[in-house]
């Protein structure tokens, strides 16, 4: 027993709107990546003067929190793209 074809033809308007949402999502994620990677690194000396639980904030953010944020961004992107794909009839 097989399911019917769940896919529909995608119009050019849907494809353009899908692409616009995709570019918007990627742009925001790249902005977050830039801040986490470069802005924190530029201010690392100043951040290291602050200690939380005995650890300098600049070092802790660079060594641990940035990696957690990167992984969270990957999962967020995958989840959000699934929703965007479904919204425009492109869900796999």
N, C-alpha and C. Protein backbone atom coordinates (compact mmCIF):
# COMPACT_ATOMS: atom_id res chain seq x y z
N UNK A 1 0.84 -1.16 0.00
CA UNK A 1 0.00 0.00 0.00
C UNK A 1 0.90 1.24 0.00
N UNK A 2 0.63 2.12 -0.91
CA UNK A 2 1.43 3.34 -0.98
C UNK A 2 0.54 4.55 -0.80
N UNK A 3 1.14 5.59 -0.30
CA UNK A 3 0.40 6.83 -0.14
C UNK A 3 0.39 7.55 -1.47
N UNK A 4 -0.61 8.39 -1.65
CA UNK A 4 -0.68 9.19 -2.88
C UNK A 4 0.45 10.21 -2.91
N UNK A 5 0.59 10.85 -4.02
CA UNK A 5 1.62 11.87 -4.18
C UNK A 5 1.28 13.06 -3.29
N UNK A 6 2.10 13.33 -2.29
CA UNK A 6 1.86 14.42 -1.36
C UNK A 6 2.44 15.74 -1.87
N UNK A 7 3.15 15.70 -2.95
CA UNK A 7 3.80 16.89 -3.46
C UNK A 7 2.88 17.61 -4.43
N UNK A 8 3.02 18.91 -4.46
CA UNK A 8 2.26 19.72 -5.41
C UNK A 8 3.24 20.54 -6.22
N UNK A 9 2.76 21.03 -7.34
CA UNK A 9 3.61 21.88 -8.16
C UNK A 9 3.86 23.19 -7.41
N UNK A 10 5.08 23.65 -7.44
CA UNK A 10 5.46 24.88 -6.75
C UNK A 10 5.43 26.01 -7.75
N UNK A 11 4.69 27.06 -7.42
CA UNK A 11 4.63 28.21 -8.30
C UNK A 11 5.89 29.05 -8.15
N UNK A 12 6.13 29.90 -9.12
CA UNK A 12 7.30 30.79 -9.06
C UNK A 12 7.18 31.74 -7.87
N UNK A 13 5.97 32.18 -7.57
CA UNK A 13 5.78 33.08 -6.42
C UNK A 13 6.14 32.37 -5.12
N UNK A 14 5.73 31.09 -4.98
CA UNK A 14 6.09 30.32 -3.79
C UNK A 14 7.59 30.10 -3.72
N UNK A 15 8.20 29.79 -4.85
CA UNK A 15 9.64 29.57 -4.87
C UNK A 15 10.40 30.84 -4.48
N UNK A 16 9.94 31.99 -4.98
CA UNK A 16 10.59 33.25 -4.64
C UNK A 16 10.42 33.59 -3.16
N UNK A 17 9.21 33.37 -2.63
CA UNK A 17 8.97 33.64 -1.21
C UNK A 17 9.78 32.69 -0.33
N UNK A 18 9.87 31.44 -0.75
CA UNK A 18 10.68 30.44 -0.02
C UNK A 18 12.14 30.89 0.02
N UNK A 19 12.66 31.30 -1.14
CA UNK A 19 14.05 31.73 -1.22
C UNK A 19 14.28 32.96 -0.35
N UNK A 20 13.33 33.90 -0.35
CA UNK A 20 13.47 35.12 0.46
C UNK A 20 13.52 34.78 1.95
N UNK A 21 12.67 33.89 2.40
CA UNK A 21 12.70 33.49 3.82
C UNK A 21 13.99 32.76 4.15
N UNK A 22 14.46 31.92 3.22
CA UNK A 22 15.71 31.19 3.43
C UNK A 22 16.88 32.16 3.56
N UNK A 23 16.96 33.14 2.68
CA UNK A 23 18.05 34.12 2.72
C UNK A 23 17.97 34.94 4.00
N UNK A 24 16.77 35.30 4.42
CA UNK A 24 16.59 36.06 5.65
C UNK A 24 17.07 35.25 6.86
N UNK A 25 16.69 33.99 6.91
CA UNK A 25 17.13 33.12 8.01
C UNK A 25 18.65 32.98 8.03
N UNK A 26 19.23 32.70 6.90
CA UNK A 26 20.69 32.53 6.82
C UNK A 26 21.40 33.84 7.19
N UNK A 27 20.85 34.96 6.78
CA UNK A 27 21.46 36.26 7.11
C UNK A 27 21.50 36.49 8.62
N UNK A 28 20.39 36.20 9.29
CA UNK A 28 20.37 36.36 10.75
C UNK A 28 21.32 35.39 11.44
N UNK A 29 21.38 34.17 10.96
CA UNK A 29 22.30 33.21 11.57
C UNK A 29 23.76 33.59 11.33
N UNK A 30 24.06 34.13 10.17
CA UNK A 30 25.42 34.60 9.91
C UNK A 30 25.77 35.80 10.80
N UNK A 31 24.80 36.65 11.05
CA UNK A 31 25.02 37.78 11.95
C UNK A 31 25.34 37.27 13.36
N UNK A 32 24.58 36.31 13.83
CA UNK A 32 24.84 35.72 15.15
C UNK A 32 26.21 35.07 15.18
N UNK A 33 26.55 34.33 14.12
CA UNK A 33 27.87 33.69 14.03
C UNK A 33 28.97 34.75 14.11
N UNK A 34 28.80 35.85 13.38
CA UNK A 34 29.80 36.92 13.38
C UNK A 34 30.00 37.49 14.78
N UNK A 35 28.88 37.77 15.46
CA UNK A 35 28.98 38.33 16.81
C UNK A 35 29.67 37.34 17.76
N UNK A 36 29.25 36.08 17.71
CA UNK A 36 29.81 35.08 18.61
C UNK A 36 31.29 34.85 18.33
N UNK A 37 31.66 34.85 17.06
CA UNK A 37 33.03 34.54 16.68
C UNK A 37 33.97 35.74 16.78
N UNK A 38 33.59 36.86 16.19
CA UNK A 38 34.52 37.96 16.06
C UNK A 38 34.36 39.06 17.10
N UNK A 39 33.15 39.45 17.40
CA UNK A 39 32.95 40.54 18.35
C UNK A 39 33.44 40.13 19.74
N UNK A 40 33.09 38.92 20.14
CA UNK A 40 33.55 38.44 21.44
C UNK A 40 35.08 38.34 21.46
N UNK A 41 35.68 37.91 20.36
CA UNK A 41 37.15 37.80 20.31
C UNK A 41 37.81 39.17 20.42
N UNK A 42 37.21 40.18 19.81
CA UNK A 42 37.79 41.52 19.88
C UNK A 42 37.77 42.04 21.31
N UNK A 43 36.71 41.74 22.05
CA UNK A 43 36.58 42.23 23.41
C UNK A 43 37.00 41.20 24.46
N UNK A 44 37.73 40.19 24.07
CA UNK A 44 38.11 39.11 24.99
C UNK A 44 38.92 39.62 26.18
N UNK A 45 39.85 40.54 25.95
CA UNK A 45 40.66 41.05 27.06
C UNK A 45 39.79 41.72 28.11
N UNK A 46 38.85 42.53 27.65
CA UNK A 46 37.97 43.22 28.59
C UNK A 46 37.02 42.23 29.27
N UNK A 47 36.55 41.24 28.52
CA UNK A 47 35.65 40.25 29.10
C UNK A 47 36.38 39.36 30.11
N UNK A 48 37.66 39.14 29.90
CA UNK A 48 38.42 38.30 30.82
C UNK A 48 38.62 38.94 32.19
N UNK A 49 38.38 40.25 32.28
CA UNK A 49 38.48 40.91 33.59
C UNK A 49 37.27 40.58 34.46
N UNK A 50 36.23 40.01 33.84
CA UNK A 50 35.03 39.59 34.58
C UNK A 50 35.13 38.09 34.79
N UNK A 51 34.89 37.67 36.02
CA UNK A 51 34.95 36.23 36.32
C UNK A 51 33.59 35.76 36.82
N UNK A 52 33.17 34.61 36.31
CA UNK A 52 31.94 33.97 36.76
C UNK A 52 32.33 32.57 37.24
N UNK A 53 32.04 32.28 38.49
CA UNK A 53 32.43 31.02 39.10
C UNK A 53 33.94 30.79 39.01
N UNK A 54 34.70 31.87 39.02
CA UNK A 54 36.15 31.79 39.01
C UNK A 54 36.78 31.68 37.62
N UNK A 55 35.95 31.66 36.59
CA UNK A 55 36.47 31.53 35.22
C UNK A 55 36.29 32.85 34.47
N UNK A 56 37.30 33.27 33.71
CA UNK A 56 37.17 34.51 32.94
C UNK A 56 36.11 34.35 31.85
N UNK A 57 35.26 35.35 31.72
CA UNK A 57 34.12 35.27 30.79
C UNK A 57 34.59 35.14 29.34
N UNK A 58 35.60 35.89 28.93
CA UNK A 58 36.08 35.81 27.55
C UNK A 58 36.55 34.42 27.18
N UNK A 59 37.32 33.82 28.06
CA UNK A 59 37.82 32.47 27.81
C UNK A 59 36.67 31.46 27.80
N UNK A 60 35.78 31.56 28.79
CA UNK A 60 34.67 30.61 28.89
C UNK A 60 33.77 30.71 27.68
N UNK A 61 33.49 31.93 27.24
CA UNK A 61 32.62 32.11 26.08
C UNK A 61 33.29 31.53 24.84
N UNK A 62 34.57 31.81 24.65
CA UNK A 62 35.28 31.32 23.48
C UNK A 62 35.46 29.82 23.45
N UNK A 63 35.67 29.22 24.61
CA UNK A 63 35.98 27.79 24.63
C UNK A 63 34.75 26.90 24.76
N UNK A 64 33.69 27.41 25.36
CA UNK A 64 32.54 26.53 25.60
C UNK A 64 31.25 27.08 25.01
N UNK A 65 30.89 28.28 25.38
CA UNK A 65 29.58 28.80 24.98
C UNK A 65 29.46 29.01 23.48
N UNK A 66 30.53 29.41 22.83
CA UNK A 66 30.44 29.59 21.38
C UNK A 66 30.12 28.27 20.68
N UNK A 67 30.71 27.18 21.13
CA UNK A 67 30.43 25.88 20.53
C UNK A 67 28.99 25.46 20.76
N UNK A 68 28.48 25.72 21.96
CA UNK A 68 27.08 25.40 22.26
C UNK A 68 26.15 26.22 21.37
N UNK A 69 26.47 27.49 21.17
CA UNK A 69 25.65 28.35 20.32
C UNK A 69 25.70 27.86 18.87
N UNK A 70 26.87 27.44 18.38
CA UNK A 70 26.98 26.94 17.00
C UNK A 70 26.10 25.70 16.80
N UNK A 71 26.14 24.77 17.73
CA UNK A 71 25.33 23.56 17.62
C UNK A 71 23.84 23.91 17.69
N UNK A 72 23.48 24.82 18.58
CA UNK A 72 22.08 25.25 18.68
C UNK A 72 21.63 25.91 17.38
N UNK A 73 22.51 26.66 16.75
CA UNK A 73 22.18 27.30 15.47
C UNK A 73 21.91 26.25 14.39
N UNK A 74 22.67 25.18 14.38
CA UNK A 74 22.47 24.11 13.40
C UNK A 74 21.09 23.49 13.57
N UNK A 75 20.74 23.16 14.80
CA UNK A 75 19.43 22.56 15.05
C UNK A 75 18.30 23.54 14.76
N UNK A 76 18.50 24.81 15.12
CA UNK A 76 17.48 25.82 14.83
C UNK A 76 17.28 25.96 13.32
N UNK A 77 18.38 26.01 12.58
CA UNK A 77 18.27 26.13 11.12
C UNK A 77 17.51 24.95 10.53
N UNK A 78 17.84 23.75 10.95
CA UNK A 78 17.17 22.56 10.41
C UNK A 78 15.68 22.59 10.74
N UNK A 79 15.33 22.93 11.97
CA UNK A 79 13.92 22.98 12.36
C UNK A 79 13.17 24.08 11.61
N UNK A 80 13.77 25.25 11.54
CA UNK A 80 13.12 26.38 10.86
C UNK A 80 12.96 26.12 9.36
N UNK A 81 13.97 25.51 8.74
CA UNK A 81 13.86 25.22 7.30
C UNK A 81 12.79 24.17 7.03
N UNK A 82 12.62 23.20 7.94
CA UNK A 82 11.52 22.24 7.79
C UNK A 82 10.18 22.96 7.77
N UNK A 83 10.02 23.93 8.68
CA UNK A 83 8.77 24.69 8.73
C UNK A 83 8.58 25.55 7.49
N UNK A 84 9.65 26.17 7.02
CA UNK A 84 9.56 27.00 5.82
C UNK A 84 9.25 26.12 4.61
N UNK A 85 9.91 24.98 4.50
CA UNK A 85 9.64 24.05 3.39
C UNK A 85 8.19 23.60 3.39
N UNK A 86 7.69 23.27 4.57
CA UNK A 86 6.30 22.82 4.67
C UNK A 86 5.33 23.95 4.30
N UNK A 87 5.65 25.16 4.71
CA UNK A 87 4.80 26.31 4.43
C UNK A 87 4.62 26.53 2.92
N UNK A 88 5.68 26.27 2.15
CA UNK A 88 5.64 26.50 0.71
C UNK A 88 5.48 25.22 -0.11
N UNK A 89 5.14 24.14 0.54
CA UNK A 89 4.89 22.89 -0.18
C UNK A 89 6.14 22.20 -0.69
N UNK A 90 7.24 22.36 -0.01
CA UNK A 90 8.50 21.75 -0.44
C UNK A 90 9.05 20.77 0.58
N UNK A 91 8.20 20.35 1.50
CA UNK A 91 8.65 19.44 2.55
C UNK A 91 9.01 18.10 1.94
N UNK A 92 10.10 17.53 2.43
CA UNK A 92 10.56 16.23 1.92
C UNK A 92 9.76 15.12 2.55
